[in-house]
Amino acid sequence: MMRILKPICFVLLSLLLIMTLGGSVMAVGEVVLSVEVTGNQGVNDDRILRAITNIRLGEALN
């Protein structure tokens, strides 16, 4: 019984691992490399960059 279950479990775990790792790699398109603030006159650049919360360097661009 154990001889049959070991290969089946190995195959299922391998497929699960491939699907999770492969899916995340395939989902990534463009990646945020930097954020640049231009054109502002009255607000400090650092203040604007601290207010941006939905973009992080290295994450996929939506």
PDB file of N, CA and C in Angstrom:
ATOM      1  N   MET A   1       0.828  -1.202   0.000  1.00  0.00           N
ATOM      2  CA  MET A   1       0.000   0.000   0.000  1.00  0.00           C
ATOM      3  C   MET A   1       0.868   1.259   0.000  1.00  0.00           C
ATOM      4  N   MET A   2       1.919   1.273   0.845  1.00  0.00           N
ATOM      5  CA  MET A   2       2.794   2.441   0.920  1.00  0.00           C
ATOM      6  C   MET A   2       3.595   2.618  -0.367  1.00  0.00           C
ATOM      7  N   ARG A   3       3.899   1.512  -1.047  1.00  0.00           N
ATOM      8  CA  ARG A   3       4.636   1.591  -2.305  1.00  0.00           C
ATOM      9  C   ARG A   3       3.844   2.339  -3.362  1.00  0.00           C
ATOM     10  N   ILE A   4       2.551   2.236  -3.317  1.00  0.00           N
ATOM     11  CA  ILE A   4       1.692   2.899  -4.296  1.00  0.00           C
ATOM     12  C   ILE A   4       1.494   4.369  -3.924  1.00  0.00           C
ATOM     13  N   LEU A   5       1.335   4.654  -2.646  1.00  0.00           N
ATOM     14  CA  LEU A   5       1.044   6.019  -2.213  1.00  0.00           C
ATOM     15  C   LEU A   5       2.239   6.961  -2.338  1.00  0.00           C
ATOM     16  N   LYS A   6       3.439   6.487  -2.114  1.00  0.00           N
ATOM     17  CA  LYS A   6       4.618   7.360  -2.175  1.00  0.00           C
ATOM     18  C   LYS A   6       4.799   8.001  -3.553  1.00  0.00           C
ATOM     19  N   PRO A   7       4.776   7.234  -4.640  1.00  0.00           N
ATOM     20  CA  PRO A   7       4.940   7.883  -5.959  1.00  0.00           C
ATOM     21  C   PRO A   7       3.790   8.824  -6.303  1.00  0.00           C
ATOM     22  N   ILE A   8       2.587   8.451  -5.910  1.00  0.00           N
ATOM     23  CA  ILE A   8       1.430   9.300  -6.193  1.00  0.00           C
ATOM     24  C   ILE A   8       1.552  10.619  -5.440  1.00  0.00           C
ATOM     25  N   CYS A   9       1.908  10.560  -4.177  1.00  0.00           N
ATOM     26  CA  CYS A   9       2.091  11.780  -3.382  1.00  0.00           C
ATOM     27  C   CYS A   9       3.222  12.630  -3.948  1.00  0.00           C
ATOM     28  N   PHE A  10       4.296  11.997  -4.362  1.00  0.00           N
ATOM     29  CA  PHE A  10       5.424  12.728  -4.939  1.00  0.00           C
ATOM     30  C   PHE A  10       5.008  13.464  -6.210  1.00  0.00           C
ATOM     31  N   VAL A  11       4.272  12.791  -7.068  1.00  0.00           N
ATOM     32  CA  VAL A  11       3.825  13.407  -8.319  1.00  0.00           C
ATOM     33  C   VAL A  11       2.876  14.562  -8.037  1.00  0.00           C
ATOM     34  N   LEU A  12       1.937  14.370  -7.128  1.00  0.00           N
ATOM     35  CA  LEU A  12       0.986  15.433  -6.810  1.00  0.00           C
ATOM     36  C   LEU A  12       1.672  16.642  -6.192  1.00  0.00           C
ATOM     37  N   LEU A  13       2.591  16.420  -5.276  1.00  0.00           N
ATOM     38  CA  LEU A  13       3.318  17.536  -4.675  1.00  0.00           C
ATOM     39  C   LEU A  13       4.197  18.245  -5.700  1.00  0.00           C
ATOM     40  N   SER A  14       4.793  17.492  -6.596  1.00  0.00           N
ATOM     41  CA  SER A  14       5.613  18.096  -7.650  1.00  0.00           C
ATOM     42  C   SER A  14       4.766  18.967  -8.570  1.00  0.00           C
ATOM     43  N   LEU A  15       3.613  18.476  -8.961  1.00  0.00           N
ATOM     44  CA  LEU A  15       2.721  19.261  -9.811  1.00  0.00           C
ATOM     45  C   LEU A  15       2.242  20.524  -9.108  1.00  0.00           C
ATOM     46  N   LEU A  16       1.920  20.411  -7.841  1.00  0.00           N
ATOM     47  CA  LEU A  16       1.490  21.576  -7.075  1.00  0.00           C
ATOM     48  C   LEU A  16       2.597  22.613  -7.000  1.00  0.00           C
ATOM     49  N   LEU A  17       3.802  22.172  -6.759  1.00  0.00           N
ATOM     50  CA  LEU A  17       4.946  23.079  -6.688  1.00  0.00           C
ATOM     51  C   LEU A  17       5.193  23.761  -8.030  1.00  0.00           C
ATOM     52  N   ILE A  18       5.134  23.013  -9.103  1.00  0.00           N
ATOM     53  CA  ILE A  18       5.344  23.578 -10.437  1.00  0.00           C
ATOM     54  C   ILE A  18       4.256  24.589 -10.776  1.00  0.00           C
ATOM     55  N   MET A  19       3.018  24.283 -10.424  1.00  0.00           N
ATOM     56  CA  MET A  19       1.914  25.190 -10.725  1.00  0.00           C
ATOM     57  C   MET A  19       2.022  26.490  -9.941  1.00  0.00           C
ATOM     58  N   THR A  20       2.384  26.417  -8.677  1.00  0.00           N
ATOM     59  CA  THR A  20       2.462  27.639  -7.876  1.00  0.00           C
ATOM     60  C   THR A  20       3.654  28.492  -8.282  1.00  0.00           C
ATOM     61  N   LEU A  21       4.798  27.897  -8.477  1.00  0.00           N
ATOM     62  CA  LEU A  21       5.975  28.675  -8.866  1.00  0.00           C
ATOM     63  C   LEU A  21       5.886  29.147 -10.311  1.00  0.00           C
ATOM     64  N   GLY A  22       5.424  28.315 -11.179  1.00  0.00           N
ATOM     65  CA  GLY A  22       5.295  28.686 -12.583  1.00  0.00           C
ATOM     66  C   GLY A  22       4.242  29.748 -12.810  1.00  0.00           C
ATOM     67  N   GLY A  23       3.160  29.692 -12.074  1.00  0.00           N
ATOM     68  CA  GLY A  23       2.104  30.685 -12.214  1.00  0.00           C
ATOM     69  C   GLY A  23       2.547  32.063 -11.792  1.00  0.00           C
ATOM     70  N   SER A  24       3.312  32.161 -10.725  1.00  0.00           N
ATOM     71  CA  SER A  24       3.764  33.469 -10.265  1.00  0.00           C
ATOM     72  C   SER A  24       4.791  34.061 -11.216  1.00  0.00           C
ATOM     73  N   VAL A  25       5.611  33.235 -11.810  1.00  0.00           N
ATOM     74  CA  VAL A  25       6.603  33.729 -12.766  1.00  0.00           C
ATOM     75  C   VAL A  25       5.918  34.177 -14.045  1.00  0.00           C
ATOM     76  N   MET A  26       4.932  33.445 -14.494  1.00  0.00           N
ATOM     77  CA  MET A  26       4.244  33.785 -15.725  1.00  0.00           C
ATOM     78  C   MET A  26       3.365  35.014 -15.570  1.00  0.00           C
ATOM     79  N   ALA A  27       2.880  35.295 -14.361  1.00  0.00           N
ATOM     80  CA  ALA A  27       1.979  36.415 -14.141  1.00  0.00           C
ATOM     81  C   ALA A  27       2.700  37.755 -14.156  1.00  0.00           C
ATOM     82  N   VAL A  28       3.992  37.753 -13.945  1.00  0.00           N
ATOM     83  CA  VAL A  28       4.742  39.000 -13.863  1.00  0.00           C
ATOM     84  C   VAL A  28       5.011  39.516 -15.265  1.00  0.00           C
ATOM     85  N   GLY A  29       4.565  40.737 -15.514  1.00  0.00           N
ATOM     86  CA  GLY A  29       4.840  41.392 -16.785  1.00  0.00           C
ATOM     87  C   GLY A  29       5.838  42.494 -16.542  1.00  0.00           C
ATOM     88  N   GLU A  30       5.362  43.720 -16.576  1.00  0.00           N
ATOM     89  CA  GLU A  30       6.223  44.860 -16.296  1.00  0.00           C
ATOM     90  C   GLU A  30       6.387  45.018 -14.793  1.00  0.00           C
ATOM     91  N   VAL A  31       7.579  45.397 -14.369  1.00  0.00           N
ATOM     92  CA  VAL A  31       7.899  45.523 -12.952  1.00  0.00           C
ATOM     93  C   VAL A  31       8.289  46.968 -12.667  1.00  0.00           C
ATOM     94  N   VAL A  32       7.868  47.484 -11.518  1.00  0.00           N
ATOM     95  CA  VAL A  32       8.206  48.845 -11.105  1.00  0.00           C
ATOM     96  C   VAL A  32       9.689  48.898 -10.763  1.00  0.00           C
ATOM     97  N   LEU A  33      10.440  49.720 -11.486  1.00  0.00           N
ATOM     98  CA  LEU A  33      11.867  49.864 -11.241  1.00  0.00           C
ATOM     99  C   LEU A  33      12.183  51.131 -10.456  1.00  0.00           C
ATOM    100  N   SER A  34      11.393  52.186 -10.670  1.00  0.00           N
ATOM    101  CA  SER A  34      11.617  53.429  -9.939  1.00  0.00           C
ATOM    102  C   SER A  34      10.359  54.283 -10.006  1.00  0.00           C
ATOM    103  N   VAL A  35      10.283  55.251  -9.107  1.00  0.00           N
ATOM    104  CA  VAL A  35       9.185  56.212  -9.082  1.00  0.00           C
ATOM    105  C   VAL A  35       9.816  57.597  -9.103  1.00  0.00           C
ATOM    106  N   GLU A  36       9.401  58.418 -10.058  1.00  0.00           N
ATOM    107  CA  GLU A  36       9.969  59.755 -10.217  1.00  0.00           C
ATOM    108  C   GLU A  36       8.857  60.786 -10.097  1.00  0.00           C
ATOM    109  N   VAL A  37       9.101  61.830  -9.328  1.00  0.00           N
ATOM    110  CA  VAL A  37       8.129  62.905  -9.139  1.00  0.00           C
ATOM    111  C   VAL A  37       8.623  64.114  -9.914  1.00  0.00           C
ATOM    112  N   THR A  38       7.783  64.625 -10.836  1.00  0.00           N
ATOM    113  CA  THR A  38       8.148  65.814 -11.608  1.00  0.00           C
ATOM    114  C   THR A  38       6.967  66.766 -11.674  1.00  0.00           C
ATOM    115  N   GLY A  39       7.258  68.038 -11.853  1.00  0.00           N
ATOM    116  CA  GLY A  39       6.216  69.030 -12.070  1.00  0.00           C
ATOM    117  C   GLY A  39       5.596  69.623 -10.821  1.00  0.00           C
ATOM    118  N   ASN A  40       5.980  69.165  -9.652  1.00  0.00           N
ATOM    119  CA  ASN A  40       5.396  69.722  -8.437  1.00  0.00           C
ATOM    120  C   ASN A  40       6.196  70.950  -8.016  1.00  0.00           C
ATOM    121  N   GLN A  41       5.493  71.968  -7.484  1.00  0.00           N
ATOM    122  CA  GLN A  41       6.176  73.179  -7.042  1.00  0.00           C
ATOM    123  C   GLN A  41       5.964  73.439  -5.561  1.00  0.00           C
ATOM    124  N   GLY A  42       4.806  73.071  -5.032  1.00  0.00           N
ATOM    125  CA  GLY A  42       4.487  73.420  -3.653  1.00  0.00           C
ATOM    126  C   GLY A  42       4.641  72.296  -2.644  1.00  0.00           C
ATOM    127  N   VAL A  43       4.858  71.072  -3.106  1.00  0.00           N
ATOM    128  CA  VAL A  43       4.928  69.932  -2.193  1.00  0.00           C
ATOM    129  C   VAL A  43       6.287  69.254  -2.356  1.00  0.00           C
ATOM    130  N   ASN A  44       6.891  68.905  -1.240  1.00  0.00           N
ATOM    131  CA  ASN A  44       8.187  68.241  -1.239  1.00  0.00           C
ATOM    132  C   ASN A  44       8.068  66.847  -1.872  1.00  0.00           C
ATOM    133  N   ASP A  45       9.072  66.450  -2.663  1.00  0.00           N
ATOM    134  CA  ASP A  45       9.054  65.135  -3.330  1.00  0.00           C
ATOM    135  C   ASP A  45       8.937  63.984  -2.336  1.00  0.00           C
ATOM    136  N   ASP A  46       9.641  64.074  -1.210  1.00  0.00           N
ATOM    137  CA  ASP A  46       9.595  63.004  -0.208  1.00  0.00           C
ATOM    138  C   ASP A  46       8.197  62.823   0.353  1.00  0.00           C
ATOM    139  N   ARG A  47       7.486  63.912   0.525  1.00  0.00           N
ATOM    140  CA  ARG A  47       6.112  63.837   1.053  1.00  0.00           C
ATOM    141  C   ARG A  47       5.195  63.115   0.062  1.00  0.00           C
ATOM    142  N   ILE A  48       5.362  63.389  -1.196  1.00  0.00           N
ATOM    143  CA  ILE A  48       4.549  62.726  -2.225  1.00  0.00           C
ATOM    144  C   ILE A  48       4.874  61.236  -2.275  1.00  0.00           C
ATOM    145  N   LEU A  49       6.155  60.894  -2.244  1.00  0.00           N
ATOM    146  CA  LEU A  49       6.554  59.484  -2.315  1.00  0.00           C
ATOM    147  C   LEU A  49       6.078  58.694  -1.103  1.00  0.00           C
ATOM    148  N   ARG A  50       6.023  59.326   0.076  1.00  0.00           N
ATOM    149  CA  ARG A  50       5.496  58.628   1.262  1.00  0.00           C
ATOM    150  C   ARG A  50       4.003  58.380   1.147  1.00  0.00           C
ATOM    151  N   ALA A  51       3.291  59.236   0.398  1.00  0.00           N
ATOM    152  CA  ALA A  51       1.839  59.087   0.249  1.00  0.00           C
ATOM    153  C   ALA A  51       1.470  57.973  -0.736  1.00  0.00           C
ATOM    154  N   ILE A  52       2.409  57.586  -1.576  1.00  0.00           N
ATOM    155  CA  ILE A  52       2.148  56.508  -2.538  1.00  0.00           C
ATOM    156  C   ILE A  52       2.290  55.176  -1.805  1.00  0.00           C
ATOM    157  N   THR A  53       1.166  54.477  -1.626  1.00  0.00           N
ATOM    158  CA  THR A  53       1.195  53.238  -0.846  1.00  0.00           C
ATOM    159  C   THR A  53       0.895  51.998  -1.680  1.00  0.00           C
ATOM    160  N   ASN A  54       0.355  52.164  -2.880  1.00  0.00           N
ATOM    161  CA  ASN A  54      -0.044  50.990  -3.658  1.00  0.00           C
ATOM    162  C   ASN A  54       1.006  50.550  -4.677  1.00  0.00           C
ATOM    163  N   ILE A  55       2.165  51.219  -4.717  1.00  0.00           N
ATOM    164  CA  ILE A  55       3.238  50.843  -5.637  1.00  0.00           C
ATOM    165  C   ILE A  55       4.501  50.589  -4.836  1.00  0.00           C
ATOM    166  N   ARG A  56       5.123  49.443  -5.062  1.00  0.00           N
ATOM    167  CA  ARG A  56       6.384  49.106  -4.398  1.00  0.00           C
ATOM    168  C   ARG A  56       7.392  48.668  -5.454  1.00  0.00           C
ATOM    169  N   LEU A  57       8.634  49.039  -5.240  1.00  0.00           N
ATOM    170  CA  LEU A  57       9.684  48.664  -6.185  1.00  0.00           C
ATOM    171  C   LEU A  57       9.803  47.149  -6.275  1.00  0.00           C
ATOM    172  N   GLY A  58       9.918  46.650  -7.484  1.00  0.00           N
ATOM    173  CA  GLY A  58      10.062  45.219  -7.707  1.00  0.00           C
ATOM    174  C   GLY A  58       8.750  44.479  -7.885  1.00  0.00           C
ATOM    175  N   GLU A  59       7.619  45.131  -7.633  1.00  0.00           N
ATOM    176  CA  GLU A  59       6.321  44.477  -7.799  1.00  0.00           C
ATOM    177  C   GLU A  59       5.824  44.661  -9.227  1.00  0.00           C
ATOM    178  N   ALA A  60       4.892  43.815  -9.616  1.00  0.00           N
ATOM    179  CA  ALA A  60       4.311  43.900 -10.956  1.00  0.00           C
ATOM    180  C   ALA A  60       3.480  45.166 -11.089  1.00  0.00           C
ATOM    181  N   LEU A  61       3.537  45.776 -12.256  1.00  0.00           N
ATOM    182  CA  LEU A  61       2.767  46.975 -12.545  1.00  0.00           C
ATOM    183  C   LEU A  61       1.382  46.568 -13.011  1.00  0.00           C
ATOM    184  N   ASN A  62       0.354  47.100 -12.374  1.00  0.00           N
ATOM    185  CA  ASN A  62      -1.031  46.763 -12.742  1.00  0.00           C
ATOM    186  C   ASN A  62      -1.522  47.641 -13.855  1.00  0.00           C
TER     187      ASN A  62
END
